[in-house]
């Protein structure tokens, strides 16, 4: 998990702030994990880190937006975003807490 502090000053003139108001936004970023919940999903029920998204065009098919996922054993896969009934997205905190979705029968 990474924490980013992003100070924002609203306007400057001659090196001095126009408004003596500074906003600080705290952004907490955590990795997202893909869990296949359909019984026929590749490595169903095992969290895979989402490392990117790209448009994939399978041979003789239309292009589709896919998650690029990597499993802890090093295997990789591309999972279509539109198949939202077949997966859940969880955080690393969910994994640590044991909140991993069940696989359908």
C-alpha atoms as a PDB file:
ATOM      1  CA  UNK A   1       0.000   0.000   0.000  1.00  0.00           C
ATOM      2  CA  UNK A   2       1.346   3.447  -0.920  1.00  0.00           C
ATOM      3  CA  UNK A   3       0.306   6.738   0.641  1.00  0.00           C
ATOM      4  CA  UNK A   4       0.674   9.877  -1.447  1.00  0.00           C
ATOM      5  CA  UNK A   5       0.465  13.361  -0.001  1.00  0.00           C
ATOM      6  CA  UNK A   6      -0.493  15.860  -2.674  1.00  0.00           C
ATOM      7  CA  UNK A   7      -0.348  19.472  -1.486  1.00  0.00           C
ATOM      8  CA  UNK A   8      -2.197  21.947  -3.705  1.00  0.00           C
ATOM      9  CA  UNK A   9      -1.753  25.710  -3.455  1.00  0.00           C
ATOM     10  CA  UNK A  10      -4.504  27.747  -5.075  1.00  0.00           C
ATOM     11  CA  UNK A  11      -2.720  30.319  -7.236  1.00  0.00           C
ATOM     12  CA  UNK A  12       0.561  32.255  -7.031  1.00  0.00           C
ATOM     13  CA  UNK A  13       1.649  35.755  -8.004  1.00  0.00           C
ATOM     14  CA  UNK A  14       5.256  36.856  -7.935  1.00  0.00           C
ATOM     15  CA  UNK A  15       6.206  33.789  -5.946  1.00  0.00           C
ATOM     16  CA  UNK A  16       3.665  34.503  -3.188  1.00  0.00           C
ATOM     17  CA  UNK A  17       0.383  32.635  -2.743  1.00  0.00           C
ATOM     18  CA  UNK A  18      -2.661  34.592  -3.892  1.00  0.00           C
ATOM     19  CA  UNK A  19      -4.713  32.743  -1.302  1.00  0.00           C
ATOM     20  CA  UNK A  20      -3.167  31.568   1.917  1.00  0.00           C
ATOM     21  CA  UNK A  21      -5.048  28.327   1.558  1.00  0.00           C
ATOM     22  CA  UNK A  22      -3.370  25.009   0.977  1.00  0.00           C
ATOM     23  CA  UNK A  23      -5.383  21.852   0.518  1.00  0.00           C
ATOM     24  CA  UNK A  24      -3.793  18.521   1.367  1.00  0.00           C
ATOM     25  CA  UNK A  25      -5.294  15.431  -0.180  1.00  0.00           C
ATOM     26  CA  UNK A  26      -4.401  12.036   1.212  1.00  0.00           C
ATOM     27  CA  UNK A  27      -4.577   9.288  -1.383  1.00  0.00           C
ATOM     28  CA  UNK A  28      -4.155   5.682  -0.344  1.00  0.00           C
ATOM     29  CA  UNK A  29      -3.418   3.283  -3.183  1.00  0.00           C
ATOM     30  CA  UNK A  30      -3.616  -0.500  -2.829  1.00  0.00           C
ATOM     31  CA  UNK A  31      -3.145  -3.264  -5.381  1.00  0.00           C
ATOM     32  CA  UNK A  32      -6.273  -4.802  -6.884  1.00  0.00           C
ATOM     33  CA  UNK A  33      -6.729  -8.549  -7.226  1.00  0.00           C
ATOM     34  CA  UNK A  34      -8.933 -10.510  -9.623  1.00  0.00           C
ATOM     35  CA  UNK A  35     -10.655 -13.663  -8.340  1.00  0.00           C
ATOM     36  CA  UNK A  36     -12.404 -15.924 -10.839  1.00  0.00           C
ATOM     37  CA  UNK A  37     -15.639 -17.100  -9.210  1.00  0.00           C
ATOM     38  CA  UNK A  38     -17.046 -19.205 -12.049  1.00  0.00           C
ATOM     39  CA  UNK A  39     -16.248 -22.919 -11.739  1.00  0.00           C
ATOM     40  CA  UNK A  40     -14.643 -22.904 -15.213  1.00  0.00           C
ATOM     41  CA  UNK A  41     -12.429 -19.855 -14.555  1.00  0.00           C
ATOM     42  CA  UNK A  42      -8.676 -20.330 -14.923  1.00  0.00           C
ATOM     43  CA  UNK A  43      -7.388 -20.995 -11.361  1.00  0.00           C
ATOM     44  CA  UNK A  44     -10.856 -20.288  -9.935  1.00  0.00           C
ATOM     45  CA  UNK A  45     -10.892 -18.935  -6.385  1.00  0.00           C
ATOM     46  CA  UNK A  46      -7.204 -17.972  -6.419  1.00  0.00           C
ATOM     47  CA  UNK A  47      -6.457 -14.218  -6.285  1.00  0.00           C
ATOM     48  CA  UNK A  48      -4.357 -12.851  -9.151  1.00  0.00           C
ATOM     49  CA  UNK A  49      -2.801  -9.388  -9.117  1.00  0.00           C
ATOM     50  CA  UNK A  50      -4.188  -7.032 -11.756  1.00  0.00           C
ATOM     51  CA  UNK A  51      -1.113  -5.606 -13.488  1.00  0.00           C
ATOM     52  CA  UNK A  52      -2.792  -3.782 -16.362  1.00  0.00           C
ATOM     53  CA  UNK A  53      -5.578  -3.479 -18.877  1.00  0.00           C
ATOM     54  CA  UNK A  54      -5.438  -3.670 -22.661  1.00  0.00           C
ATOM     55  CA  UNK A  55      -7.689  -4.204 -25.630  1.00  0.00           C
ATOM     56  CA  UNK A  56      -7.256  -7.780 -26.882  1.00  0.00           C
ATOM     57  CA  UNK A  57      -8.490  -9.003 -30.262  1.00  0.00           C
ATOM     58  CA  UNK A  58      -8.756 -12.807 -30.387  1.00  0.00           C
ATOM     59  CA  UNK A  59      -8.456 -14.330 -33.856  1.00  0.00           C
ATOM     60  CA  UNK A  60     -11.775 -14.089 -35.727  1.00  0.00           C
ATOM     61  CA  UNK A  61     -13.409 -12.099 -32.934  1.00  0.00           C
ATOM     62  CA  UNK A  62     -14.024  -8.488 -31.958  1.00  0.00           C
ATOM     63  CA  UNK A  63     -11.652  -6.631 -29.669  1.00  0.00           C
ATOM     64  CA  UNK A  64     -12.426  -6.505 -25.978  1.00  0.00           C
ATOM     65  CA  UNK A  65     -11.028  -4.759 -22.922  1.00  0.00           C
ATOM     66  CA  UNK A  66      -9.234  -7.238 -20.650  1.00  0.00           C
ATOM     67  CA  UNK A  67      -7.496  -7.298 -17.280  1.00  0.00           C
ATOM     68  CA  UNK A  68      -3.902  -8.532 -17.451  1.00  0.00           C
ATOM     69  CA  UNK A  69      -3.562 -10.705 -14.358  1.00  0.00           C
ATOM     70  CA  UNK A  70      -0.598 -12.526 -12.762  1.00  0.00           C
ATOM     71  CA  UNK A  71      -0.875 -15.383 -10.288  1.00  0.00           C
ATOM     72  CA  UNK A  72       1.616 -16.057  -7.486  1.00  0.00           C
ATOM     73  CA  UNK A  73       2.909 -19.144  -9.357  1.00  0.00           C
ATOM     74  CA  UNK A  74       4.007 -16.870 -12.233  1.00  0.00           C
ATOM     75  CA  UNK A  75       1.246 -17.814 -14.663  1.00  0.00           C
ATOM     76  CA  UNK A  76      -0.554 -14.996 -16.486  1.00  0.00           C
ATOM     77  CA  UNK A  77      -3.930 -14.578 -18.117  1.00  0.00           C
ATOM     78  CA  UNK A  78      -6.154 -12.005 -19.821  1.00  0.00           C
ATOM     79  CA  UNK A  79      -9.684 -11.781 -18.438  1.00  0.00           C
ATOM     80  CA  UNK A  80     -12.444  -9.839 -20.243  1.00  0.00           C
ATOM     81  CA  UNK A  81     -13.811  -6.945 -18.182  1.00  0.00           C
ATOM     82  CA  UNK A  82     -17.327  -7.479 -19.597  1.00  0.00           C
ATOM     83  CA  UNK A  83     -17.606 -10.957 -17.995  1.00  0.00           C
ATOM     84  CA  UNK A  84     -18.394  -9.320 -14.653  1.00  0.00           C
ATOM     85  CA  UNK A  85     -20.535 -12.255 -13.461  1.00  0.00           C
ATOM     86  CA  UNK A  86     -17.443 -14.492 -13.559  1.00  0.00           C
ATOM     87  CA  UNK A  87     -15.120 -12.562 -11.214  1.00  0.00           C
ATOM     88  CA  UNK A  88     -14.788 -10.271  -8.203  1.00  0.00           C
ATOM     89  CA  UNK A  89     -12.178  -7.569  -7.611  1.00  0.00           C
ATOM     90  CA  UNK A  90     -10.723  -7.513  -4.098  1.00  0.00           C
ATOM     91  CA  UNK A  91      -7.896  -5.737  -2.248  1.00  0.00           C
ATOM     92  CA  UNK A  92      -4.794  -7.184  -0.599  1.00  0.00           C
ATOM     93  CA  UNK A  93      -6.410  -6.367   2.747  1.00  0.00           C
ATOM     94  CA  UNK A  94      -9.342  -8.625   1.766  1.00  0.00           C
ATOM     95  CA  UNK A  95      -6.874 -11.443   1.090  1.00  0.00           C
ATOM     96  CA  UNK A  96      -5.192 -10.973   4.476  1.00  0.00           C
ATOM     97  CA  UNK A  97      -8.601 -10.985   6.189  1.00  0.00           C
ATOM     98  CA  UNK A  98      -9.609 -14.179   4.363  1.00  0.00           C
ATOM     99  CA  UNK A  99     -12.390 -12.413   2.438  1.00  0.00           C
ATOM    100  CA  UNK A 100     -11.905 -14.353  -0.795  1.00  0.00           C
ATOM    101  CA  UNK A 101     -15.110 -14.962  -2.786  1.00  0.00           C
ATOM    102  CA  UNK A 102     -16.406 -18.532  -3.171  1.00  0.00           C
ATOM    103  CA  UNK A 103     -16.398 -20.320  -6.526  1.00  0.00           C
ATOM    104  CA  UNK A 104     -19.803 -21.190  -8.029  1.00  0.00           C
ATOM    105  CA  UNK A 105     -20.791 -24.857  -8.170  1.00  0.00           C
END
